[in-house]
C-alpha cells in the first residue's frame, strides 16, 4: 500500500506525525509513505524507515514571491510530481486550507479530519473521507487516531513510538554533555537570559559540559553571552537540522524552552526538561519518555500571549533541582 502524507509544518507538528507512521507500518506490513513537507524540515521524514520519498514544498516562500514562483516553473513541477505518482490514499494530517489545497492535485481519495476536528473546518471540503478526532488531547495522539481510522487498524495502546534510532543519529563523544535549547519564536517563550546564565554557571561549576546551538544572529549573540568566561560551555558552529539532531542525540540531557528542537529531543528519546510560560504542554508539549515539564505560574502564564513575559517565578534553582532529579533518574534507570 502506498500513501501520501501531507503535513508541511511546523517543526513540532512534523515531528508529532512520526509515531502515526510507526503505528501504520506495524499494523500494515509493506505500507510505504511519501511525505509532503516544507523544504526547511525535509530532512526529518527521511529518518523514518516507513518513508520512501520526501516531497519538499515551499509554501512559506512561495507566498512571499508569487510571481517568481510561477515564472520559475517551481509550482508547475510540484503539481506535476503530485499528479504523476500513484497512491492508494492521501492523508492530510494538517487540517488547514493550505494543506488541503495540495491534495487536489493527487489522483487518489483523500482522508482528513472532519469539520469539528480540523484546525480550519473548510479544509474538510477537499476530503473524500473525514474522521472525528477529539481536540482535547495531545496533537500527536490526534494524528495517531486519524491514521488508525483512515487506514483501518486498531489504535495501538501505549506511548507512541517515533521510530527514530538515536544511536544511529548520534556522534560518539567521550565527554558527557548537556544541551541548552534556548532559541524560540515568541518573545514570551524565552526564559530570561539571566536565569540561563545562572543555570550555566551552576552546571559549569559542577563540571558539566554545555553545548548551545543557534539558528540566527540574535540566538548566536545570546549563546555567546551565556557561555562567556565559563570553562566547560561552548557555542556550536552553525549547523543544519541534521547537524543539530546529531548533537541532541548524543546529549545526556537537554534543557529547552517551548521550541521545535525540544520536540526533536523528545523524538530522539533524549531526557529533556522543558520550560513553559505562555503555553501549556497538555496538547503540544514535548512527548515521550524522560520528558519533564516545568510551567510558570504567574498571572500571565498559559494565556498564549506572544509578547508579555511570564517566567519571573520559574527560578534557576527550581530548574536546576528538576534537572538534577532527571539526570539521577536516567542514571538509575
C-alpha atoms as a PDB file:
ATOM      1  CA  UNK A   1       0.000   0.000   0.000  1.00  0.00           C
ATOM      2  CA  UNK A   2       1.293   3.447  -0.913  1.00  0.00           C
ATOM      3  CA  UNK A   3       0.094   6.513   0.988  1.00  0.00           C
ATOM      4  CA  UNK A   4       0.829  10.205   0.556  1.00  0.00           C
ATOM      5  CA  UNK A   5       1.030  12.152   3.819  1.00  0.00           C
ATOM      6  CA  UNK A   6       0.544  15.907   3.732  1.00  0.00           C
ATOM      7  CA  UNK A   7       1.982  17.514   6.850  1.00  0.00           C
ATOM      8  CA  UNK A   8       4.018  20.514   5.824  1.00  0.00           C
ATOM      9  CA  UNK A   9       4.906  22.401   9.017  1.00  0.00           C
ATOM     10  CA  UNK A  10       5.837  23.407  11.676  1.00  0.00           C
ATOM     11  CA  UNK A  11       8.860  21.557  13.077  1.00  0.00           C
ATOM     12  CA  UNK A  12       6.944  20.309  16.101  1.00  0.00           C
ATOM     13  CA  UNK A  13       3.931  19.293  14.001  1.00  0.00           C
ATOM     14  CA  UNK A  14       6.133  17.339  11.600  1.00  0.00           C
ATOM     15  CA  UNK A  15       7.818  15.508  14.469  1.00  0.00           C
ATOM     16  CA  UNK A  16       4.464  14.745  16.070  1.00  0.00           C
ATOM     17  CA  UNK A  17       3.421  12.848  12.913  1.00  0.00           C
ATOM     18  CA  UNK A  18       6.195  10.260  13.166  1.00  0.00           C
ATOM     19  CA  UNK A  19       4.540   7.878  15.687  1.00  0.00           C
ATOM     20  CA  UNK A  20       1.491   7.538  13.419  1.00  0.00           C
ATOM     21  CA  UNK A  21       3.778   6.193  10.694  1.00  0.00           C
ATOM     22  CA  UNK A  22       5.240   3.700  13.150  1.00  0.00           C
ATOM     23  CA  UNK A  23       1.741   2.536  14.127  1.00  0.00           C
ATOM     24  CA  UNK A  24       0.725   2.120  10.490  1.00  0.00           C
ATOM     25  CA  UNK A  25       3.864   0.255   9.432  1.00  0.00           C
ATOM     26  CA  UNK A  26       3.389  -2.235  12.269  1.00  0.00           C
ATOM     27  CA  UNK A  27      -0.298  -2.747  11.507  1.00  0.00           C
ATOM     28  CA  UNK A  28       0.027  -2.962   7.700  1.00  0.00           C
ATOM     29  CA  UNK A  29       3.174  -4.802   6.578  1.00  0.00           C
ATOM     30  CA  UNK A  30       4.729  -3.310   3.475  1.00  0.00           C
ATOM     31  CA  UNK A  31       2.954   0.066   3.675  1.00  0.00           C
ATOM     32  CA  UNK A  32       5.081   2.909   2.333  1.00  0.00           C
ATOM     33  CA  UNK A  33       4.645   6.657   2.708  1.00  0.00           C
ATOM     34  CA  UNK A  34       5.627   9.636   0.629  1.00  0.00           C
ATOM     35  CA  UNK A  35       5.550  12.859   2.633  1.00  0.00           C
ATOM     36  CA  UNK A  36       4.816  16.416   1.502  1.00  0.00           C
ATOM     37  CA  UNK A  37       6.680  18.763   3.857  1.00  0.00           C
ATOM     38  CA  UNK A  38       8.096  22.277   3.946  1.00  0.00           C
ATOM     39  CA  UNK A  39      11.593  22.400   2.472  1.00  0.00           C
ATOM     40  CA  UNK A  40      13.146  23.539   5.763  1.00  0.00           C
ATOM     41  CA  UNK A  41      12.029  20.338   7.509  1.00  0.00           C
ATOM     42  CA  UNK A  42      12.618  17.882   4.641  1.00  0.00           C
ATOM     43  CA  UNK A  43      15.423  16.081   6.466  1.00  0.00           C
ATOM     44  CA  UNK A  44      13.146  14.760   9.214  1.00  0.00           C
ATOM     45  CA  UNK A  45      10.718  12.457   7.325  1.00  0.00           C
ATOM     46  CA  UNK A  46      13.643  10.669   5.658  1.00  0.00           C
ATOM     47  CA  UNK A  47      14.808   9.478   9.088  1.00  0.00           C
ATOM     48  CA  UNK A  48      11.733   7.255   9.450  1.00  0.00           C
ATOM     49  CA  UNK A  49      12.044   3.787   7.884  1.00  0.00           C
ATOM     50  CA  UNK A  50       8.467   3.804   6.538  1.00  0.00           C
ATOM     51  CA  UNK A  51       9.066   6.899   4.364  1.00  0.00           C
ATOM     52  CA  UNK A  52      10.006   6.152   0.753  1.00  0.00           C
ATOM     53  CA  UNK A  53      10.137   9.662  -0.712  1.00  0.00           C
ATOM     54  CA  UNK A  54      10.110  13.175   0.676  1.00  0.00           C
ATOM     55  CA  UNK A  55       8.375  15.804  -1.474  1.00  0.00           C
ATOM     56  CA  UNK A  56       9.531  19.250  -0.348  1.00  0.00           C
ATOM     57  CA  UNK A  57       7.298  22.263  -0.876  1.00  0.00           C
ATOM     58  CA  UNK A  58       7.948  25.914  -0.107  1.00  0.00           C
ATOM     59  CA  UNK A  59       4.539  27.379   0.667  1.00  0.00           C
ATOM     60  CA  UNK A  60       6.005  29.991   3.019  1.00  0.00           C
ATOM     61  CA  UNK A  61       8.494  31.182   0.406  1.00  0.00           C
ATOM     62  CA  UNK A  62       6.037  30.898  -2.490  1.00  0.00           C
ATOM     63  CA  UNK A  63       3.541  33.162  -0.755  1.00  0.00           C
ATOM     64  CA  UNK A  64       6.136  35.899  -0.459  1.00  0.00           C
ATOM     65  CA  UNK A  65       7.309  35.633  -4.085  1.00  0.00           C
ATOM     66  CA  UNK A  66       4.262  34.571  -6.115  1.00  0.00           C
ATOM     67  CA  UNK A  67       5.407  35.938  -9.457  1.00  0.00           C
ATOM     68  CA  UNK A  68       8.859  34.388  -9.168  1.00  0.00           C
ATOM     69  CA  UNK A  69       7.319  31.059  -8.136  1.00  0.00           C
ATOM     70  CA  UNK A  70       5.108  30.853 -11.230  1.00  0.00           C
ATOM     71  CA  UNK A  71       7.738  32.223 -13.565  1.00  0.00           C
ATOM     72  CA  UNK A  72      10.416  29.755 -12.447  1.00  0.00           C
ATOM     73  CA  UNK A  73       8.133  26.777 -13.015  1.00  0.00           C
ATOM     74  CA  UNK A  74       8.620  25.596  -9.438  1.00  0.00           C
ATOM     75  CA  UNK A  75       4.895  25.428  -8.732  1.00  0.00           C
ATOM     76  CA  UNK A  76       4.201  23.641 -12.016  1.00  0.00           C
ATOM     77  CA  UNK A  77       6.795  20.994 -11.243  1.00  0.00           C
ATOM     78  CA  UNK A  78       5.357  20.473  -7.770  1.00  0.00           C
ATOM     79  CA  UNK A  79       1.839  19.928  -9.162  1.00  0.00           C
ATOM     80  CA  UNK A  80       3.179  17.547 -11.777  1.00  0.00           C
ATOM     81  CA  UNK A  81       5.032  15.479  -9.210  1.00  0.00           C
ATOM     82  CA  UNK A  82       1.934  15.202  -7.041  1.00  0.00           C
ATOM     83  CA  UNK A  83      -0.231  14.241 -10.007  1.00  0.00           C
ATOM     84  CA  UNK A  84       2.098  11.721 -11.628  1.00  0.00           C
ATOM     85  CA  UNK A  85       2.634   9.405  -8.651  1.00  0.00           C
ATOM     86  CA  UNK A  86       0.054   6.645  -7.989  1.00  0.00           C
ATOM     87  CA  UNK A  87      -1.274   6.451  -4.439  1.00  0.00           C
ATOM     88  CA  UNK A  88      -3.891   4.341  -2.723  1.00  0.00           C
ATOM     89  CA  UNK A  89      -4.746   7.108  -0.266  1.00  0.00           C
ATOM     90  CA  UNK A  90      -3.813  10.653   0.707  1.00  0.00           C
ATOM     91  CA  UNK A  91      -3.906  11.661   4.380  1.00  0.00           C
ATOM     92  CA  UNK A  92      -3.970  15.372   5.166  1.00  0.00           C
ATOM     93  CA  UNK A  93      -2.835  15.423   8.782  1.00  0.00           C
ATOM     94  CA  UNK A  94      -2.518  19.213   8.829  1.00  0.00           C
ATOM     95  CA  UNK A  95      -6.182  20.124   8.620  1.00  0.00           C
ATOM     96  CA  UNK A  96      -5.559  23.525   7.043  1.00  0.00           C
ATOM     97  CA  UNK A  97      -6.693  25.049   3.771  1.00  0.00           C
ATOM     98  CA  UNK A  98      -3.094  25.280   2.539  1.00  0.00           C
ATOM     99  CA  UNK A  99      -2.540  21.556   3.047  1.00  0.00           C
ATOM    100  CA  UNK A 100      -5.968  20.564   1.736  1.00  0.00           C
ATOM    101  CA  UNK A 101      -5.326  22.616  -1.417  1.00  0.00           C
ATOM    102  CA  UNK A 102      -2.299  20.477  -2.217  1.00  0.00           C
ATOM    103  CA  UNK A 103      -4.395  17.301  -2.136  1.00  0.00           C
ATOM    104  CA  UNK A 104      -6.494  18.393  -5.108  1.00  0.00           C
ATOM    105  CA  UNK A 105      -3.579  17.649  -7.443  1.00  0.00           C
ATOM    106  CA  UNK A 106      -3.299  13.994  -6.375  1.00  0.00           C
ATOM    107  CA  UNK A 107      -5.283  11.298  -8.156  1.00  0.00           C
ATOM    108  CA  UNK A 108      -6.321   9.344  -5.063  1.00  0.00           C
ATOM    109  CA  UNK A 109      -9.004   9.506  -2.374  1.00  0.00           C
ATOM    110  CA  UNK A 110      -8.221  11.959   0.393  1.00  0.00           C
ATOM    111  CA  UNK A 111      -8.742  11.414   4.115  1.00  0.00           C
ATOM    112  CA  UNK A 112      -8.640  14.037   6.836  1.00  0.00           C
ATOM    113  CA  UNK A 113     -10.220  15.450   9.964  1.00  0.00           C
ATOM    114  CA  UNK A 114     -13.927  16.258   9.911  1.00  0.00           C
ATOM    115  CA  UNK A 115     -15.178  19.820  10.296  1.00  0.00           C
ATOM    116  CA  UNK A 116     -15.357  19.549  14.083  1.00  0.00           C
ATOM    117  CA  UNK A 117     -11.796  18.244  14.315  1.00  0.00           C
ATOM    118  CA  UNK A 118      -9.825  20.171  11.666  1.00  0.00           C
ATOM    119  CA  UNK A 119      -7.973  23.324  12.639  1.00  0.00           C
ATOM    120  CA  UNK A 120      -9.653  25.042   9.673  1.00  0.00           C
ATOM    121  CA  UNK A 121     -13.079  23.419   9.111  1.00  0.00           C
ATOM    122  CA  UNK A 122     -13.272  24.482   5.454  1.00  0.00           C
ATOM    123  CA  UNK A 123     -10.366  22.146   4.714  1.00  0.00           C
ATOM    124  CA  UNK A 124     -12.650  19.111   5.018  1.00  0.00           C
ATOM    125  CA  UNK A 125     -14.453  20.142   1.803  1.00  0.00           C
ATOM    126  CA  UNK A 126     -11.435  18.793  -0.068  1.00  0.00           C
ATOM    127  CA  UNK A 127     -11.633  15.352   1.552  1.00  0.00           C
ATOM    128  CA  UNK A 128     -13.395  12.202   0.383  1.00  0.00           C
ATOM    129  CA  UNK A 129     -13.346  10.644   3.833  1.00  0.00           C
ATOM    130  CA  UNK A 130     -13.488  12.568   7.111  1.00  0.00           C
ATOM    131  CA  UNK A 131     -12.967  11.359  10.652  1.00  0.00           C
ATOM    132  CA  UNK A 132     -13.811  12.781  14.033  1.00  0.00           C
ATOM    133  CA  UNK A 133     -10.888  13.061  16.432  1.00  0.00           C
ATOM    134  CA  UNK A 134     -11.441  14.823  19.776  1.00  0.00           C
ATOM    135  CA  UNK A 135      -9.436  18.031  20.074  1.00  0.00           C
ATOM    136  CA  UNK A 136      -8.962  17.968  23.848  1.00  0.00           C
ATOM    137  CA  UNK A 137      -5.828  15.824  23.737  1.00  0.00           C
ATOM    138  CA  UNK A 138      -2.222  15.925  22.613  1.00  0.00           C
ATOM    139  CA  UNK A 139      -1.710  16.708  18.908  1.00  0.00           C
ATOM    140  CA  UNK A 140       0.451  13.613  18.484  1.00  0.00           C
ATOM    141  CA  UNK A 141      -2.332  11.354  19.731  1.00  0.00           C
ATOM    142  CA  UNK A 142      -4.796  13.079  17.409  1.00  0.00           C
ATOM    143  CA  UNK A 143      -2.625  12.207  14.426  1.00  0.00           C
ATOM    144  CA  UNK A 144      -2.281   8.604  15.573  1.00  0.00           C
ATOM    145  CA  UNK A 145      -6.065   8.343  15.823  1.00  0.00           C
ATOM    146  CA  UNK A 146      -6.590   9.872  12.385  1.00  0.00           C
ATOM    147  CA  UNK A 147      -4.209   7.342  10.799  1.00  0.00           C
ATOM    148  CA  UNK A 148      -5.824   4.407  12.587  1.00  0.00           C
ATOM    149  CA  UNK A 149      -9.280   5.380  11.333  1.00  0.00           C
ATOM    150  CA  UNK A 150      -8.194   6.274   7.806  1.00  0.00           C
ATOM    151  CA  UNK A 151      -6.163   3.085   7.335  1.00  0.00           C
ATOM    152  CA  UNK A 152      -8.489   0.770   9.255  1.00  0.00           C
ATOM    153  CA  UNK A 153      -6.444  -0.699  12.100  1.00  0.00           C
ATOM    154  CA  UNK A 154      -6.955  -0.684  15.888  1.00  0.00           C
ATOM    155  CA  UNK A 155      -5.217   2.175  17.633  1.00  0.00           C
ATOM    156  CA  UNK A 156      -2.195   0.747  19.499  1.00  0.00           C
ATOM    157  CA  UNK A 157      -2.233   1.084  23.253  1.00  0.00           C
ATOM    158  CA  UNK A 158       0.577   2.905  24.988  1.00  0.00           C
ATOM    159  CA  UNK A 159       3.097   5.613  24.288  1.00  0.00           C
ATOM    160  CA  UNK A 160       3.674   6.494  20.655  1.00  0.00           C
ATOM    161  CA  UNK A 161       6.976   5.414  19.080  1.00  0.00           C
ATOM    162  CA  UNK A 162       8.698   7.965  16.835  1.00  0.00           C
ATOM    163  CA  UNK A 163      10.578   5.213  15.001  1.00  0.00           C
ATOM    164  CA  UNK A 164      13.926   7.031  15.131  1.00  0.00           C
ATOM    165  CA  UNK A 165      17.237   5.400  16.045  1.00  0.00           C
ATOM    166  CA  UNK A 166      19.037   7.727  18.452  1.00  0.00           C
ATOM    167  CA  UNK A 167      22.234   5.669  18.354  1.00  0.00           C
ATOM    168  CA  UNK A 168      22.388   5.832  14.578  1.00  0.00           C
ATOM    169  CA  UNK A 169      21.996   9.620  14.529  1.00  0.00           C
ATOM    170  CA  UNK A 170      24.324  10.457  17.414  1.00  0.00           C
ATOM    171  CA  UNK A 171      28.034  11.098  17.074  1.00  0.00           C
ATOM    172  CA  UNK A 172      30.204   9.234  19.537  1.00  0.00           C
ATOM    173  CA  UNK A 173      31.521  11.642  22.160  1.00  0.00           C
ATOM    174  CA  UNK A 174      33.690  10.648  25.102  1.00  0.00           C
ATOM    175  CA  UNK A 175      32.634  13.511  27.394  1.00  0.00           C
ATOM    176  CA  UNK A 176      29.013  13.647  28.642  1.00  0.00           C
ATOM    177  CA  UNK A 177      27.356  16.955  27.849  1.00  0.00           C
ATOM    178  CA  UNK A 178      24.104  18.845  28.200  1.00  0.00           C
ATOM    179  CA  UNK A 179      22.382  20.936  25.541  1.00  0.00           C
ATOM    180  CA  UNK A 180      20.610  24.246  26.131  1.00  0.00           C
ATOM    181  CA  UNK A 181      17.834  24.713  23.562  1.00  0.00           C
ATOM    182  CA  UNK A 182      17.372  28.397  24.294  1.00  0.00           C
ATOM    183  CA  UNK A 183      16.006  29.722  20.991  1.00  0.00           C
ATOM    184  CA  UNK A 184      12.311  30.099  20.252  1.00  0.00           C
ATOM    185  CA  UNK A 185       9.923  32.302  18.290  1.00  0.00           C
ATOM    186  CA  UNK A 186       7.628  34.195  20.663  1.00  0.00           C
ATOM    187  CA  UNK A 187       9.204  36.816  22.886  1.00  0.00           C
ATOM    188  CA  UNK A 188       7.185  35.500  25.825  1.00  0.00           C
ATOM    189  CA  UNK A 189       8.501  31.926  25.406  1.00  0.00           C
ATOM    190  CA  UNK A 190      12.063  32.979  26.218  1.00  0.00           C
ATOM    191  CA  UNK A 191      13.268  32.018  29.668  1.00  0.00           C
ATOM    192  CA  UNK A 192      15.067  35.141  30.988  1.00  0.00           C
ATOM    193  CA  UNK A 193      18.688  35.343  29.904  1.00  0.00           C
ATOM    194  CA  UNK A 194      19.990  35.999  33.460  1.00  0.00           C
ATOM    195  CA  UNK A 195      18.283  32.758  34.514  1.00  0.00           C
ATOM    196  CA  UNK A 196      20.008  30.817  31.721  1.00  0.00           C
ATOM    197  CA  UNK A 197      23.325  32.333  32.800  1.00  0.00           C
ATOM    198  CA  UNK A 198      22.829  31.347  36.460  1.00  0.00           C
ATOM    199  CA  UNK A 199      21.970  27.792  35.418  1.00  0.00           C
ATOM    200  CA  UNK A 200      25.019  27.641  33.131  1.00  0.00           C
ATOM    201  CA  UNK A 201      27.322  28.881  35.899  1.00  0.00           C
ATOM    202  CA  UNK A 202      25.950  26.325  38.321  1.00  0.00           C
ATOM    203  CA  UNK A 203      26.378  23.417  35.894  1.00  0.00           C
ATOM    204  CA  UNK A 204      29.801  24.634  34.795  1.00  0.00           C
ATOM    205  CA  UNK A 205      30.885  24.659  38.416  1.00  0.00           C
ATOM    206  CA  UNK A 206      29.815  21.020  38.680  1.00  0.00           C
ATOM    207  CA  UNK A 207      31.955  20.155  35.661  1.00  0.00           C
ATOM    208  CA  UNK A 208      29.152  19.624  33.160  1.00  0.00           C
ATOM    209  CA  UNK A 209      29.959  20.367  29.526  1.00  0.00           C
ATOM    210  CA  UNK A 210      27.214  22.504  27.947  1.00  0.00           C
ATOM    211  CA  UNK A 211      26.553  22.939  24.238  1.00  0.00           C
ATOM    212  CA  UNK A 212      24.402  25.721  22.774  1.00  0.00           C
ATOM    213  CA  UNK A 213      23.080  25.602  19.194  1.00  0.00           C
ATOM    214  CA  UNK A 214      21.716  28.687  17.439  1.00  0.00           C
ATOM    215  CA  UNK A 215      19.724  29.483  14.326  1.00  0.00           C
ATOM    216  CA  UNK A 216      20.176  33.208  13.740  1.00  0.00           C
ATOM    217  CA  UNK A 217      22.389  36.130  14.734  1.00  0.00           C
ATOM    218  CA  UNK A 218      20.338  37.025  17.813  1.00  0.00           C
ATOM    219  CA  UNK A 219      20.465  33.475  19.129  1.00  0.00           C
ATOM    220  CA  UNK A 220      24.196  33.267  18.477  1.00  0.00           C
ATOM    221  CA  UNK A 221      24.835  36.507  20.368  1.00  0.00           C
ATOM    222  CA  UNK A 222      22.758  35.296  23.313  1.00  0.00           C
ATOM    223  CA  UNK A 223      24.574  31.950  23.343  1.00  0.00           C
ATOM    224  CA  UNK A 224      27.937  33.723  23.377  1.00  0.00           C
ATOM    225  CA  UNK A 225      26.872  35.841  26.338  1.00  0.00           C
ATOM    226  CA  UNK A 226      25.664  32.777  28.207  1.00  0.00           C
ATOM    227  CA  UNK A 227      28.979  30.918  27.895  1.00  0.00           C
ATOM    228  CA  UNK A 228      31.350  33.876  28.297  1.00  0.00           C
ATOM    229  CA  UNK A 229      34.087  33.010  30.774  1.00  0.00           C
ATOM    230  CA  UNK A 230      32.768  29.522  31.522  1.00  0.00           C
ATOM    231  CA  UNK A 231      35.247  26.696  31.353  1.00  0.00           C
ATOM    232  CA  UNK A 232      33.054  23.864  30.084  1.00  0.00           C
ATOM    233  CA  UNK A 233      30.407  25.645  27.992  1.00  0.00           C
ATOM    234  CA  UNK A 234      30.664  26.242  24.248  1.00  0.00           C
ATOM    235  CA  UNK A 235      28.623  27.727  21.414  1.00  0.00           C
ATOM    236  CA  UNK A 236      28.250  25.327  18.497  1.00  0.00           C
ATOM    237  CA  UNK A 237      29.048  26.352  14.928  1.00  0.00           C
ATOM    238  CA  UNK A 238      26.148  26.979  12.566  1.00  0.00           C
ATOM    239  CA  UNK A 239      24.523  23.595  11.892  1.00  0.00           C
ATOM    240  CA  UNK A 240      21.732  22.386   9.655  1.00  0.00           C
ATOM    241  CA  UNK A 241      18.856  20.445  11.178  1.00  0.00           C
ATOM    242  CA  UNK A 242      20.616  17.116  10.759  1.00  0.00           C
ATOM    243  CA  UNK A 243      23.701  18.520  12.481  1.00  0.00           C
ATOM    244  CA  UNK A 244      21.690  19.795  15.432  1.00  0.00           C
ATOM    245  CA  UNK A 245      19.952  16.414  15.647  1.00  0.00           C
ATOM    246  CA  UNK A 246      23.334  14.689  15.961  1.00  0.00           C
ATOM    247  CA  UNK A 247      24.305  16.966  18.837  1.00  0.00           C
ATOM    248  CA  UNK A 248      20.982  16.475  20.602  1.00  0.00           C
ATOM    249  CA  UNK A 249      21.051  12.701  20.078  1.00  0.00           C
ATOM    250  CA  UNK A 250      24.440  12.487  21.781  1.00  0.00           C
ATOM    251  CA  UNK A 251      23.482  14.578  24.807  1.00  0.00           C
ATOM    252  CA  UNK A 252      22.979  13.246  28.297  1.00  0.00           C
ATOM    253  CA  UNK A 253      20.002  15.634  28.631  1.00  0.00           C
ATOM    254  CA  UNK A 254      18.579  18.907  27.323  1.00  0.00           C
ATOM    255  CA  UNK A 255      17.030  21.984  28.865  1.00  0.00           C
ATOM    256  CA  UNK A 256      14.569  23.577  26.434  1.00  0.00           C
ATOM    257  CA  UNK A 257      12.001  26.285  26.113  1.00  0.00           C
ATOM    258  CA  UNK A 258       8.867  25.657  24.039  1.00  0.00           C
ATOM    259  CA  UNK A 259      10.616  25.156  20.708  1.00  0.00           C
ATOM    260  CA  UNK A 260      10.666  22.704  17.825  1.00  0.00           C
ATOM    261  CA  UNK A 261      14.106  21.470  18.841  1.00  0.00           C
ATOM    262  CA  UNK A 262      12.636  20.435  22.178  1.00  0.00           C
ATOM    263  CA  UNK A 263      10.229  18.178  20.289  1.00  0.00           C
ATOM    264  CA  UNK A 264      13.174  16.813  18.329  1.00  0.00           C
ATOM    265  CA  UNK A 265      14.917  15.936  21.589  1.00  0.00           C
ATOM    266  CA  UNK A 266      11.797  14.070  22.722  1.00  0.00           C
ATOM    267  CA  UNK A 267      11.602  12.225  19.392  1.00  0.00           C
ATOM    268  CA  UNK A 268      15.221  11.138  19.825  1.00  0.00           C
ATOM    269  CA  UNK A 269      14.411   9.846  23.316  1.00  0.00           C
ATOM    270  CA  UNK A 270      16.781  12.315  24.978  1.00  0.00           C
ATOM    271  CA  UNK A 271      15.790  13.223  28.566  1.00  0.00           C
ATOM    272  CA  UNK A 272      14.623  16.823  28.418  1.00  0.00           C
ATOM    273  CA  UNK A 273      13.458  19.428  30.894  1.00  0.00           C
ATOM    274  CA  UNK A 274      11.084  21.765  29.036  1.00  0.00           C
ATOM    275  CA  UNK A 275      10.075  25.197  30.354  1.00  0.00           C
ATOM    276  CA  UNK A 276       6.594  26.509  29.571  1.00  0.00           C
ATOM    277  CA  UNK A 277       5.355  30.048  30.136  1.00  0.00           C
ATOM    278  CA  UNK A 278       2.651  31.418  27.822  1.00  0.00           C
ATOM    279  CA  UNK A 279       1.824  27.940  26.524  1.00  0.00           C
ATOM    280  CA  UNK A 280       0.778  24.766  28.301  1.00  0.00           C
ATOM    281  CA  UNK A 281       2.209  21.318  27.500  1.00  0.00           C
ATOM    282  CA  UNK A 282      -1.045  19.336  27.567  1.00  0.00           C
ATOM    283  CA  UNK A 283      -1.783  19.459  23.818  1.00  0.00           C
ATOM    284  CA  UNK A 284       1.535  20.355  22.240  1.00  0.00           C
ATOM    285  CA  UNK A 285       4.215  19.673  24.850  1.00  0.00           C
ATOM    286  CA  UNK A 286       7.311  17.520  24.409  1.00  0.00           C
ATOM    287  CA  UNK A 287       6.013  13.939  24.272  1.00  0.00           C
ATOM    288  CA  UNK A 288       7.898  10.806  25.223  1.00  0.00           C
ATOM    289  CA  UNK A 289       9.921   9.005  27.829  1.00  0.00           C
ATOM    290  CA  UNK A 290      12.128  11.104  30.073  1.00  0.00           C
ATOM    291  CA  UNK A 291      10.237  14.336  29.336  1.00  0.00           C
ATOM    292  CA  UNK A 292       9.724  16.675  32.288  1.00  0.00           C
ATOM    293  CA  UNK A 293       7.622  19.838  32.021  1.00  0.00           C
ATOM    294  CA  UNK A 294       8.023  22.867  34.283  1.00  0.00           C
ATOM    295  CA  UNK A 295       5.355  25.539  33.949  1.00  0.00           C
ATOM    296  CA  UNK A 296       5.427  29.143  35.076  1.00  0.00           C
ATOM    297  CA  UNK A 297       2.599  30.088  37.428  1.00  0.00           C
ATOM    298  CA  UNK A 298       2.496  33.873  37.200  1.00  0.00           C
ATOM    299  CA  UNK A 299      -0.627  35.883  36.281  1.00  0.00           C
ATOM    300  CA  UNK A 300       0.131  35.772  32.535  1.00  0.00           C
ATOM    301  CA  UNK A 301       1.216  32.127  32.329  1.00  0.00           C
ATOM    302  CA  UNK A 302      -0.654  29.808  29.989  1.00  0.00           C
ATOM    303  CA  UNK A 303      -2.628  32.594  28.305  1.00  0.00           C
ATOM    304  CA  UNK A 304      -0.963  32.392  24.892  1.00  0.00           C
ATOM    305  CA  UNK A 305       0.281  35.976  24.973  1.00  0.00           C
ATOM    306  CA  UNK A 306       3.148  36.281  22.477  1.00  0.00           C
ATOM    307  CA  UNK A 307       4.770  39.346  23.999  1.00  0.00           C
ATOM    308  CA  UNK A 308       4.144  39.603  27.742  1.00  0.00           C
ATOM    309  CA  UNK A 309       6.837  37.911  29.913  1.00  0.00           C
ATOM    310  CA  UNK A 310       5.599  35.381  32.442  1.00  0.00           C
ATOM    311  CA  UNK A 311       8.673  33.439  33.619  1.00  0.00           C
ATOM    312  CA  UNK A 312       9.644  35.512  36.670  1.00  0.00           C
ATOM    313  CA  UNK A 313       8.596  32.819  39.137  1.00  0.00           C
ATOM    314  CA  UNK A 314      10.320  29.895  37.376  1.00  0.00           C
ATOM    315  CA  UNK A 315      13.711  30.396  39.004  1.00  0.00           C
ATOM    316  CA  UNK A 316      17.099  28.847  38.139  1.00  0.00           C
ATOM    317  CA  UNK A 317      17.210  26.959  41.455  1.00  0.00           C
ATOM    318  CA  UNK A 318      13.915  25.254  40.621  1.00  0.00           C
ATOM    319  CA  UNK A 319      15.139  24.314  37.150  1.00  0.00           C
ATOM    320  CA  UNK A 320      18.500  23.104  38.441  1.00  0.00           C
ATOM    321  CA  UNK A 321      16.843  20.889  41.049  1.00  0.00           C
ATOM    322  CA  UNK A 322      14.488  19.389  38.458  1.00  0.00           C
ATOM    323  CA  UNK A 323      17.389  18.793  36.078  1.00  0.00           C
ATOM    324  CA  UNK A 324      19.370  17.060  38.805  1.00  0.00           C
ATOM    325  CA  UNK A 325      16.417  14.737  39.525  1.00  0.00           C
ATOM    326  CA  UNK A 326      16.054  13.997  35.808  1.00  0.00           C
ATOM    327  CA  UNK A 327      19.740  13.130  35.483  1.00  0.00           C
ATOM    328  CA  UNK A 328      19.628  10.934  38.577  1.00  0.00           C
ATOM    329  CA  UNK A 329      16.572   9.133  37.235  1.00  0.00           C
ATOM    330  CA  UNK A 330      18.374   8.373  33.995  1.00  0.00           C
ATOM    331  CA  UNK A 331      21.470   7.103  35.806  1.00  0.00           C
ATOM    332  CA  UNK A 332      19.333   4.765  37.905  1.00  0.00           C
ATOM    333  CA  UNK A 333      17.129   3.587  35.018  1.00  0.00           C
END
